[in-house]
Amino acid sequence: MAQARIVRPTALLMGEGDAEEIFLKRIRELYTADRKGCNVRVQSAGGKGAGNVVDHAIRYQRANGAFDVAAAFFDTDTDWNDDVRARGEKAGIVLIAVEPCLECMLLRLVGLHKECSTAEHKKRFEKEFGGPAHNKKIVERIVTREAVDKARGNIVVIDTLLTTIGR
């Protein structure tokens, strides 16, 4: 007798650049390794701002189809505007806008956030953790299941991301 196969929904998470891709892969590792939630594909748009990420997500979804949900995960510090929002919404892309940048969100995740510019967030992140946000070992060290679960109620981006992948 054949064993019943469980079909999991699929999700595309298109990150802005290397740091976002590393972060999204860490979330996938923490929340879908138990084979619950979505089967998640993480891709990088190669940088160049919110518009590029949204356009990459739209093209990837169209070319590869079959994703139950597609999301664009990007910083709001460059070219995030109503036109980009409208393109994403029209294509059915979940827009996960990190304000103003990933480093700010990661600092907030571990309770070290203060309001400042993107450049200051990046500088503070490197000072606090000994390297940039595109360092996989640093991201793995600070992005833990416990930290993410705790932050979910306080950081909308985290909640939206986890909801998108069915967790």
N, C-alpha and C. Protein backbone atom coordinates (compact mmCIF):
# COMPACT_ATOMS: atom_id res chain seq x y z
N MET A 1 0.85 -1.18 0.00
CA MET A 1 0.00 0.00 0.00
C MET A 1 0.89 1.25 0.00
N ALA A 2 0.62 2.17 -0.90
CA ALA A 2 1.41 3.39 -1.01
C ALA A 2 1.12 4.33 0.15
N GLN A 3 2.18 4.99 0.59
CA GLN A 3 2.03 5.94 1.68
C GLN A 3 1.46 7.25 1.12
N ALA A 4 0.53 7.84 1.85
CA ALA A 4 -0.08 9.10 1.42
C ALA A 4 0.98 10.20 1.44
N ARG A 5 0.96 11.01 0.41
CA ARG A 5 1.89 12.12 0.30
C ARG A 5 1.21 13.40 0.73
N ILE A 6 1.90 14.17 1.54
CA ILE A 6 1.36 15.45 1.98
C ILE A 6 1.89 16.53 1.03
N VAL A 7 0.96 17.27 0.44
CA VAL A 7 1.34 18.35 -0.46
C VAL A 7 1.35 19.64 0.34
N ARG A 8 2.52 20.26 0.39
CA ARG A 8 2.66 21.52 1.12
C ARG A 8 2.53 22.69 0.16
N PRO A 9 1.93 23.77 0.62
CA PRO A 9 1.89 24.97 -0.22
C PRO A 9 3.31 25.47 -0.48
N THR A 10 3.49 26.22 -1.54
CA THR A 10 4.81 26.73 -1.89
C THR A 10 4.83 28.25 -1.78
N ALA A 11 5.99 28.76 -1.37
CA ALA A 11 6.16 30.21 -1.23
C ALA A 11 7.48 30.63 -1.87
N LEU A 12 7.46 31.74 -2.57
CA LEU A 12 8.66 32.38 -3.09
C LEU A 12 8.94 33.58 -2.20
N LEU A 13 10.15 33.66 -1.66
CA LEU A 13 10.59 34.84 -0.91
C LEU A 13 11.74 35.47 -1.69
N MET A 14 11.48 36.60 -2.32
CA MET A 14 12.50 37.31 -3.09
C MET A 14 13.10 38.40 -2.20
N GLY A 15 14.37 38.24 -1.86
CA GLY A 15 15.06 39.22 -1.03
C GLY A 15 15.78 40.24 -1.88
N GLU A 16 16.06 41.38 -1.28
CA GLU A 16 16.71 42.46 -2.03
C GLU A 16 18.13 42.10 -2.44
N GLY A 17 18.94 41.67 -1.49
CA GLY A 17 20.35 41.38 -1.79
C GLY A 17 20.86 40.23 -0.95
N ASP A 18 22.18 40.17 -0.80
CA ASP A 18 22.81 39.07 -0.07
C ASP A 18 22.35 38.97 1.38
N ALA A 19 22.31 40.09 2.08
CA ALA A 19 21.93 40.07 3.50
C ALA A 19 20.49 39.59 3.67
N GLU A 20 19.60 40.08 2.84
CA GLU A 20 18.20 39.65 2.91
C GLU A 20 18.06 38.17 2.58
N GLU A 21 18.82 37.71 1.58
CA GLU A 21 18.77 36.29 1.22
C GLU A 21 19.24 35.41 2.39
N ILE A 22 20.31 35.82 3.05
CA ILE A 22 20.82 35.07 4.21
C ILE A 22 19.78 35.06 5.32
N PHE A 23 19.17 36.21 5.59
CA PHE A 23 18.15 36.29 6.63
C PHE A 23 16.95 35.39 6.28
N LEU A 24 16.48 35.47 5.06
CA LEU A 24 15.31 34.67 4.65
C LEU A 24 15.62 33.18 4.70
N LYS A 25 16.81 32.78 4.32
CA LYS A 25 17.19 31.37 4.41
C LYS A 25 17.25 30.92 5.86
N ARG A 26 17.67 31.81 6.75
CA ARG A 26 17.68 31.47 8.18
C ARG A 26 16.26 31.28 8.68
N ILE A 27 15.35 32.14 8.28
CA ILE A 27 13.94 31.98 8.68
C ILE A 27 13.40 30.67 8.13
N ARG A 28 13.71 30.37 6.89
CA ARG A 28 13.26 29.09 6.29
C ARG A 28 13.80 27.92 7.11
N GLU A 29 15.06 27.98 7.47
CA GLU A 29 15.69 26.90 8.26
C GLU A 29 14.99 26.74 9.61
N LEU A 30 14.71 27.84 10.27
CA LEU A 30 14.11 27.79 11.61
C LEU A 30 12.65 27.35 11.59
N TYR A 31 11.91 27.73 10.54
CA TYR A 31 10.46 27.54 10.56
C TYR A 31 9.90 26.50 9.60
N THR A 32 10.70 25.96 8.70
CA THR A 32 10.14 24.96 7.79
C THR A 32 10.93 23.65 7.76
N ALA A 33 11.99 23.55 8.54
CA ALA A 33 12.78 22.31 8.58
C ALA A 33 11.94 21.14 9.08
N ASP A 34 10.90 21.43 9.87
CA ASP A 34 10.02 20.37 10.39
C ASP A 34 8.96 19.96 9.36
N ARG A 35 9.08 20.50 8.14
CA ARG A 35 8.18 20.21 7.03
C ARG A 35 6.74 20.67 7.32
N LYS A 36 6.62 21.69 8.14
CA LYS A 36 5.32 22.32 8.37
C LYS A 36 5.36 23.69 7.72
N GLY A 37 4.19 24.24 7.45
CA GLY A 37 4.16 25.51 6.73
C GLY A 37 4.48 25.27 5.27
N CYS A 38 4.91 26.30 4.59
CA CYS A 38 5.18 26.23 3.15
C CYS A 38 6.51 25.60 2.83
N ASN A 39 6.60 25.11 1.62
CA ASN A 39 7.88 24.75 1.02
C ASN A 39 8.40 26.06 0.44
N VAL A 40 9.51 26.57 0.97
CA VAL A 40 9.94 27.94 0.68
C VAL A 40 11.14 27.95 -0.26
N ARG A 41 11.03 28.75 -1.32
CA ARG A 41 12.15 29.03 -2.23
C ARG A 41 12.60 30.45 -1.96
N VAL A 42 13.89 30.62 -1.64
CA VAL A 42 14.46 31.95 -1.38
C VAL A 42 15.35 32.32 -2.56
N GLN A 43 15.19 33.54 -3.05
CA GLN A 43 15.98 34.06 -4.15
C GLN A 43 16.43 35.48 -3.82
N SER A 44 17.50 35.93 -4.44
CA SER A 44 17.98 37.30 -4.30
C SER A 44 17.76 38.04 -5.60
N ALA A 45 17.34 39.28 -5.48
CA ALA A 45 17.16 40.13 -6.66
C ALA A 45 18.46 40.84 -7.04
N GLY A 46 19.50 40.66 -6.24
CA GLY A 46 20.79 41.27 -6.57
C GLY A 46 20.90 42.73 -6.22
N GLY A 47 20.06 43.19 -5.27
CA GLY A 47 20.13 44.59 -4.85
C GLY A 47 19.32 45.52 -5.73
N LYS A 48 19.71 46.78 -5.75
CA LYS A 48 19.13 47.83 -6.60
C LYS A 48 17.76 48.33 -6.17
N GLY A 49 17.38 48.14 -4.93
CA GLY A 49 16.18 48.78 -4.42
C GLY A 49 14.88 48.01 -4.52
N ALA A 50 13.86 48.60 -3.93
CA ALA A 50 12.54 47.98 -3.81
C ALA A 50 11.93 47.65 -5.16
N GLY A 51 12.01 48.57 -6.11
CA GLY A 51 11.42 48.35 -7.42
C GLY A 51 12.01 47.13 -8.11
N ASN A 52 13.32 46.96 -8.02
CA ASN A 52 13.98 45.82 -8.63
C ASN A 52 13.53 44.51 -7.97
N VAL A 53 13.38 44.53 -6.65
CA VAL A 53 12.96 43.32 -5.93
C VAL A 53 11.54 42.93 -6.33
N VAL A 54 10.65 43.90 -6.36
CA VAL A 54 9.27 43.63 -6.74
C VAL A 54 9.21 43.11 -8.18
N ASP A 55 9.95 43.76 -9.09
CA ASP A 55 9.96 43.31 -10.49
C ASP A 55 10.52 41.90 -10.62
N HIS A 56 11.59 41.60 -9.88
CA HIS A 56 12.15 40.24 -9.90
C HIS A 56 11.13 39.22 -9.39
N ALA A 57 10.44 39.55 -8.32
CA ALA A 57 9.44 38.63 -7.76
C ALA A 57 8.32 38.38 -8.78
N ILE A 58 7.88 39.43 -9.45
CA ILE A 58 6.82 39.29 -10.46
C ILE A 58 7.31 38.39 -11.60
N ARG A 59 8.50 38.67 -12.13
CA ARG A 59 9.04 37.87 -13.23
C ARG A 59 9.27 36.42 -12.82
N TYR A 60 9.83 36.20 -11.65
CA TYR A 60 10.12 34.84 -11.19
C TYR A 60 8.83 34.06 -11.00
N GLN A 61 7.84 34.71 -10.43
CA GLN A 61 6.54 34.05 -10.23
C GLN A 61 5.93 33.67 -11.58
N ARG A 62 5.98 34.57 -12.53
CA ARG A 62 5.41 34.29 -13.86
C ARG A 62 6.18 33.19 -14.58
N ALA A 63 7.51 33.24 -14.52
CA ALA A 63 8.34 32.28 -15.25
C ALA A 63 8.29 30.89 -14.63
N ASN A 64 8.23 30.83 -13.32
CA ASN A 64 8.29 29.55 -12.63
C ASN A 64 6.94 29.11 -12.09
N GLY A 65 5.98 30.02 -12.09
CA GLY A 65 4.61 29.72 -11.68
C GLY A 65 4.50 28.83 -10.47
N ALA A 66 3.35 28.32 -10.28
CA ALA A 66 3.08 27.29 -9.28
C ALA A 66 3.42 27.64 -7.84
N PHE A 67 3.76 28.87 -7.53
CA PHE A 67 3.90 29.25 -6.12
C PHE A 67 2.53 29.66 -5.62
N ASP A 68 2.19 29.18 -4.44
CA ASP A 68 0.92 29.58 -3.85
C ASP A 68 0.97 31.02 -3.38
N VAL A 69 2.15 31.46 -2.99
CA VAL A 69 2.34 32.84 -2.56
C VAL A 69 3.74 33.29 -2.95
N ALA A 70 3.84 34.56 -3.36
CA ALA A 70 5.15 35.15 -3.69
C ALA A 70 5.27 36.45 -2.91
N ALA A 71 6.45 36.65 -2.32
CA ALA A 71 6.67 37.85 -1.51
C ALA A 71 7.97 38.52 -1.91
N ALA A 72 7.99 39.84 -1.78
CA ALA A 72 9.19 40.64 -1.99
C ALA A 72 9.58 41.22 -0.64
N PHE A 73 10.83 41.01 -0.24
CA PHE A 73 11.36 41.45 1.06
C PHE A 73 12.49 42.44 0.78
N PHE A 74 12.31 43.71 1.17
CA PHE A 74 13.24 44.76 0.76
C PHE A 74 13.28 45.89 1.77
N ASP A 75 14.36 46.68 1.68
CA ASP A 75 14.51 47.88 2.49
C ASP A 75 13.70 49.01 1.86
N THR A 76 13.28 49.95 2.69
CA THR A 76 12.52 51.10 2.17
C THR A 76 13.39 52.32 1.93
N ASP A 77 14.70 52.18 2.12
CA ASP A 77 15.57 53.36 2.02
C ASP A 77 15.87 53.79 0.59
N THR A 78 15.53 52.97 -0.40
CA THR A 78 15.71 53.40 -1.80
C THR A 78 14.49 53.02 -2.64
N ASP A 79 14.00 53.92 -3.38
CA ASP A 79 12.93 53.83 -4.39
C ASP A 79 11.65 53.11 -3.97
N TRP A 80 11.33 53.05 -2.71
CA TRP A 80 10.04 52.50 -2.27
C TRP A 80 9.02 53.62 -2.40
N ASN A 81 8.04 53.43 -3.29
CA ASN A 81 7.06 54.48 -3.54
C ASN A 81 5.72 53.87 -3.97
N ASP A 82 4.76 54.72 -4.24
CA ASP A 82 3.41 54.25 -4.59
C ASP A 82 3.39 53.46 -5.90
N ASP A 83 4.23 53.82 -6.85
CA ASP A 83 4.28 53.09 -8.12
C ASP A 83 4.75 51.65 -7.90
N VAL A 84 5.80 51.48 -7.11
CA VAL A 84 6.33 50.14 -6.80
C VAL A 84 5.27 49.34 -6.05
N ARG A 85 4.64 49.99 -5.08
CA ARG A 85 3.58 49.32 -4.31
C ARG A 85 2.46 48.85 -5.24
N ALA A 86 2.03 49.72 -6.14
CA ALA A 86 0.93 49.38 -7.06
C ALA A 86 1.30 48.21 -7.97
N ARG A 87 2.53 48.20 -8.51
CA ARG A 87 2.98 47.09 -9.37
C ARG A 87 2.93 45.77 -8.61
N GLY A 88 3.44 45.79 -7.38
CA GLY A 88 3.45 44.57 -6.57
C GLY A 88 2.05 44.09 -6.22
N GLU A 89 1.21 45.01 -5.79
CA GLU A 89 -0.16 44.64 -5.42
C GLU A 89 -0.94 44.11 -6.61
N LYS A 90 -0.77 44.75 -7.78
CA LYS A 90 -1.48 44.31 -8.99
C LYS A 90 -1.09 42.88 -9.36
N ALA A 91 0.18 42.52 -9.12
CA ALA A 91 0.67 41.18 -9.45
C ALA A 91 0.41 40.17 -8.33
N GLY A 92 -0.16 40.63 -7.23
CA GLY A 92 -0.46 39.72 -6.12
C GLY A 92 0.74 39.36 -5.28
N ILE A 93 1.78 40.18 -5.30
CA ILE A 93 2.98 39.94 -4.51
C ILE A 93 2.77 40.48 -3.09
N VAL A 94 3.13 39.69 -2.09
CA VAL A 94 3.10 40.16 -0.70
C VAL A 94 4.31 41.08 -0.54
N LEU A 95 4.08 42.31 -0.15
CA LEU A 95 5.15 43.30 -0.03
C LEU A 95 5.58 43.39 1.43
N ILE A 96 6.82 43.02 1.69
CA ILE A 96 7.35 43.04 3.06
C ILE A 96 8.46 44.08 3.08
N ALA A 97 8.07 45.29 3.47
CA ALA A 97 8.96 46.44 3.45
C ALA A 97 9.62 46.63 4.81
N VAL A 98 10.94 46.50 4.85
CA VAL A 98 11.71 46.65 6.08
C VAL A 98 12.12 48.11 6.21
N GLU A 99 11.66 48.76 7.26
CA GLU A 99 11.87 50.20 7.40
C GLU A 99 12.94 50.52 8.43
N PRO A 100 13.96 51.26 8.11
CA PRO A 100 14.40 51.62 6.76
C PRO A 100 15.28 50.55 6.13
N CYS A 101 15.82 49.61 6.97
CA CYS A 101 16.74 48.62 6.43
C CYS A 101 16.78 47.36 7.30
N LEU A 102 17.35 46.31 6.75
CA LEU A 102 17.45 45.03 7.46
C LEU A 102 18.23 45.17 8.76
N GLU A 103 19.31 45.92 8.74
CA GLU A 103 20.12 46.09 9.95
C GLU A 103 19.31 46.69 11.09
N CYS A 104 18.44 47.63 10.78
CA CYS A 104 17.55 48.22 11.79
C CYS A 104 16.65 47.15 12.39
N MET A 105 16.05 46.32 11.53
CA MET A 105 15.16 45.27 12.01
C MET A 105 15.92 44.26 12.88
N LEU A 106 17.13 43.90 12.46
CA LEU A 106 17.92 42.94 13.24
C LEU A 106 18.33 43.53 14.59
N LEU A 107 18.68 44.80 14.61
CA LEU A 107 18.99 45.46 15.89
C LEU A 107 17.75 45.48 16.79
N ARG A 108 16.59 45.75 16.20
CA ARG A 108 15.33 45.73 16.95
C ARG A 108 15.04 44.33 17.48
N LEU A 109 15.33 43.31 16.68
CA LEU A 109 15.11 41.92 17.06
C LEU A 109 15.83 41.57 18.36
N VAL A 110 17.02 42.11 18.54
CA VAL A 110 17.79 41.79 19.75
C VAL A 110 17.75 42.91 20.80
N GLY A 111 16.84 43.87 20.62
CA GLY A 111 16.64 44.91 21.62
C GLY A 111 17.66 46.02 21.62
N LEU A 112 18.33 46.26 20.50
CA LEU A 112 19.35 47.31 20.44
C LEU A 112 18.98 48.45 19.50
N HIS A 113 17.70 48.60 19.22
CA HIS A 113 17.25 49.58 18.24
C HIS A 113 17.16 50.98 18.81
N LYS A 114 17.52 51.95 18.00
CA LYS A 114 17.22 53.36 18.25
C LYS A 114 17.03 54.01 16.89
N GLU A 115 16.24 55.05 16.86
CA GLU A 115 15.95 55.72 15.58
C GLU A 115 17.21 56.41 15.06
N CYS A 116 17.56 56.08 13.82
CA CYS A 116 18.68 56.73 13.16
C CYS A 116 18.62 56.43 11.67
N SER A 117 19.58 56.91 10.93
CA SER A 117 19.60 56.72 9.47
C SER A 117 20.05 55.31 9.11
N THR A 118 19.84 54.96 7.85
CA THR A 118 20.29 53.66 7.35
C THR A 118 21.79 53.49 7.56
N ALA A 119 22.57 54.50 7.20
CA ALA A 119 24.03 54.42 7.35
C ALA A 119 24.41 54.19 8.82
N GLU A 120 23.72 54.87 9.73
CA GLU A 120 24.01 54.70 11.15
C GLU A 120 23.62 53.31 11.64
N HIS A 121 22.50 52.77 11.13
CA HIS A 121 22.10 51.41 11.50
C HIS A 121 23.15 50.41 11.05
N LYS A 122 23.63 50.55 9.82
CA LYS A 122 24.62 49.63 9.28
C LYS A 122 25.92 49.70 10.11
N LYS A 123 26.33 50.90 10.44
CA LYS A 123 27.53 51.11 11.24
C LYS A 123 27.36 50.50 12.64
N ARG A 124 26.23 50.74 13.26
CA ARG A 124 25.97 50.21 14.60
C ARG A 124 25.90 48.68 14.58
N PHE A 125 25.28 48.13 13.54
CA PHE A 125 25.19 46.68 13.41
C PHE A 125 26.60 46.08 13.38
N GLU A 126 27.47 46.64 12.54
CA GLU A 126 28.83 46.11 12.44
C GLU A 126 29.58 46.24 13.76
N LYS A 127 29.37 47.34 14.45
CA LYS A 127 30.03 47.55 15.75
C LYS A 127 29.54 46.53 16.78
N GLU A 128 28.24 46.32 16.84
CA GLU A 128 27.65 45.41 17.84
C GLU A 128 27.99 43.94 17.58
N PHE A 129 28.03 43.54 16.30
CA PHE A 129 28.16 42.13 15.98
C PHE A 129 29.47 41.74 15.30
N GLY A 130 30.32 42.72 15.04
CA GLY A 130 31.65 42.41 14.51
C GLY A 130 31.68 42.13 13.03
N GLY A 131 30.66 42.53 12.30
CA GLY A 131 30.64 42.33 10.86
C GLY A 131 29.32 42.79 10.28
N PRO A 132 29.20 42.72 8.96
CA PRO A 132 27.99 43.19 8.27
C PRO A 132 26.86 42.16 8.33
N ALA A 133 25.66 42.58 7.94
CA ALA A 133 24.48 41.72 7.97
C ALA A 133 24.52 40.65 6.89
N HIS A 134 25.44 40.73 5.95
CA HIS A 134 25.54 39.65 4.96
C HIS A 134 26.57 38.60 5.39
N ASN A 135 26.91 38.60 6.69
CA ASN A 135 27.76 37.55 7.26
C ASN A 135 26.84 36.47 7.84
N LYS A 136 26.82 35.32 7.19
CA LYS A 136 25.91 34.23 7.56
C LYS A 136 26.05 33.81 9.02
N LYS A 137 27.28 33.72 9.51
CA LYS A 137 27.51 33.28 10.89
C LYS A 137 26.92 34.27 11.90
N ILE A 138 27.02 35.55 11.60
CA ILE A 138 26.44 36.56 12.49
C ILE A 138 24.93 36.44 12.50
N VAL A 139 24.33 36.32 11.32
CA VAL A 139 22.87 36.20 11.23
C VAL A 139 22.40 34.95 11.96
N GLU A 140 23.08 33.83 11.77
CA GLU A 140 22.69 32.59 12.47
C GLU A 140 22.78 32.75 13.98
N ARG A 141 23.77 33.51 14.44
CA ARG A 141 23.94 33.72 15.89
C ARG A 141 22.83 34.56 16.49
N ILE A 142 22.39 35.59 15.79
CA ILE A 142 21.40 36.50 16.40
C ILE A 142 19.96 36.18 16.03
N VAL A 143 19.74 35.52 14.89
CA VAL A 143 18.38 35.18 14.47
C VAL A 143 18.08 33.76 14.95
N THR A 144 17.54 33.68 16.15
CA THR A 144 17.18 32.40 16.75
C THR A 144 15.66 32.27 16.76
N ARG A 145 15.18 31.06 16.88
CA ARG A 145 13.74 30.83 16.93
C ARG A 145 13.14 31.59 18.11
N GLU A 146 13.82 31.53 19.25
CA GLU A 146 13.33 32.22 20.44
C GLU A 146 13.23 33.73 20.22
N ALA A 147 14.26 34.33 19.63
CA ALA A 147 14.26 35.77 19.39
C ALA A 147 13.16 36.18 18.41
N VAL A 148 13.00 35.39 17.35
CA VAL A 148 11.99 35.71 16.33
C VAL A 148 10.59 35.55 16.91
N ASP A 149 10.34 34.45 17.64
CA ASP A 149 9.03 34.24 18.25
C ASP A 149 8.68 35.38 19.21
N LYS A 150 9.66 35.80 19.98
CA LYS A 150 9.45 36.88 20.95
C LYS A 150 9.16 38.22 20.25
N ALA A 151 9.85 38.45 19.14
CA ALA A 151 9.71 39.72 18.41
C ALA A 151 8.48 39.78 17.53
N ARG A 152 7.87 38.65 17.26
CA ARG A 152 6.77 38.60 16.30
C ARG A 152 5.65 39.58 16.63
N GLY A 153 5.31 39.71 17.88
CA GLY A 153 4.25 40.63 18.27
C GLY A 153 4.63 42.09 18.20
N ASN A 154 5.93 42.39 18.12
CA ASN A 154 6.39 43.78 18.13
C ASN A 154 6.93 44.27 16.79
N ILE A 155 7.30 43.35 15.93
CA ILE A 155 7.88 43.73 14.63
C ILE A 155 6.95 43.21 13.53
N VAL A 156 6.20 44.10 12.92
CA VAL A 156 5.20 43.74 11.92
C VAL A 156 5.81 42.95 10.77
N VAL A 157 7.00 43.32 10.34
CA VAL A 157 7.67 42.65 9.23
C VAL A 157 7.86 41.16 9.55
N ILE A 158 8.26 40.85 10.77
CA ILE A 158 8.47 39.46 11.18
C ILE A 158 7.13 38.70 11.13
N ASP A 159 6.09 39.32 11.66
CA ASP A 159 4.78 38.67 11.66
C ASP A 159 4.30 38.42 10.23
N THR A 160 4.46 39.41 9.36
CA THR A 160 4.04 39.26 7.96
C THR A 160 4.83 38.15 7.28
N LEU A 161 6.11 38.10 7.51
CA LEU A 161 6.96 37.07 6.92
C LEU A 161 6.52 35.67 7.38
N LEU A 162 6.34 35.49 8.67
CA LEU A 162 5.95 34.18 9.19
C LEU A 162 4.55 33.79 8.74
N THR A 163 3.66 34.75 8.67
CA THR A 163 2.31 34.47 8.17
C THR A 163 2.36 34.03 6.71
N THR A 164 3.22 34.69 5.93
CA THR A 164 3.37 34.36 4.51
C THR A 164 3.81 32.91 4.30
N ILE A 165 4.66 32.41 5.18
CA ILE A 165 5.12 31.03 5.03
C ILE A 165 4.29 30.04 5.85
N GLY A 166 3.15 30.50 6.32
CA GLY A 166 2.21 29.60 6.98
C GLY A 166 2.59 29.21 8.40
N ARG A 167 3.30 30.07 9.09
CA ARG A 167 3.72 29.77 10.47
C ARG A 167 3.19 30.79 11.44
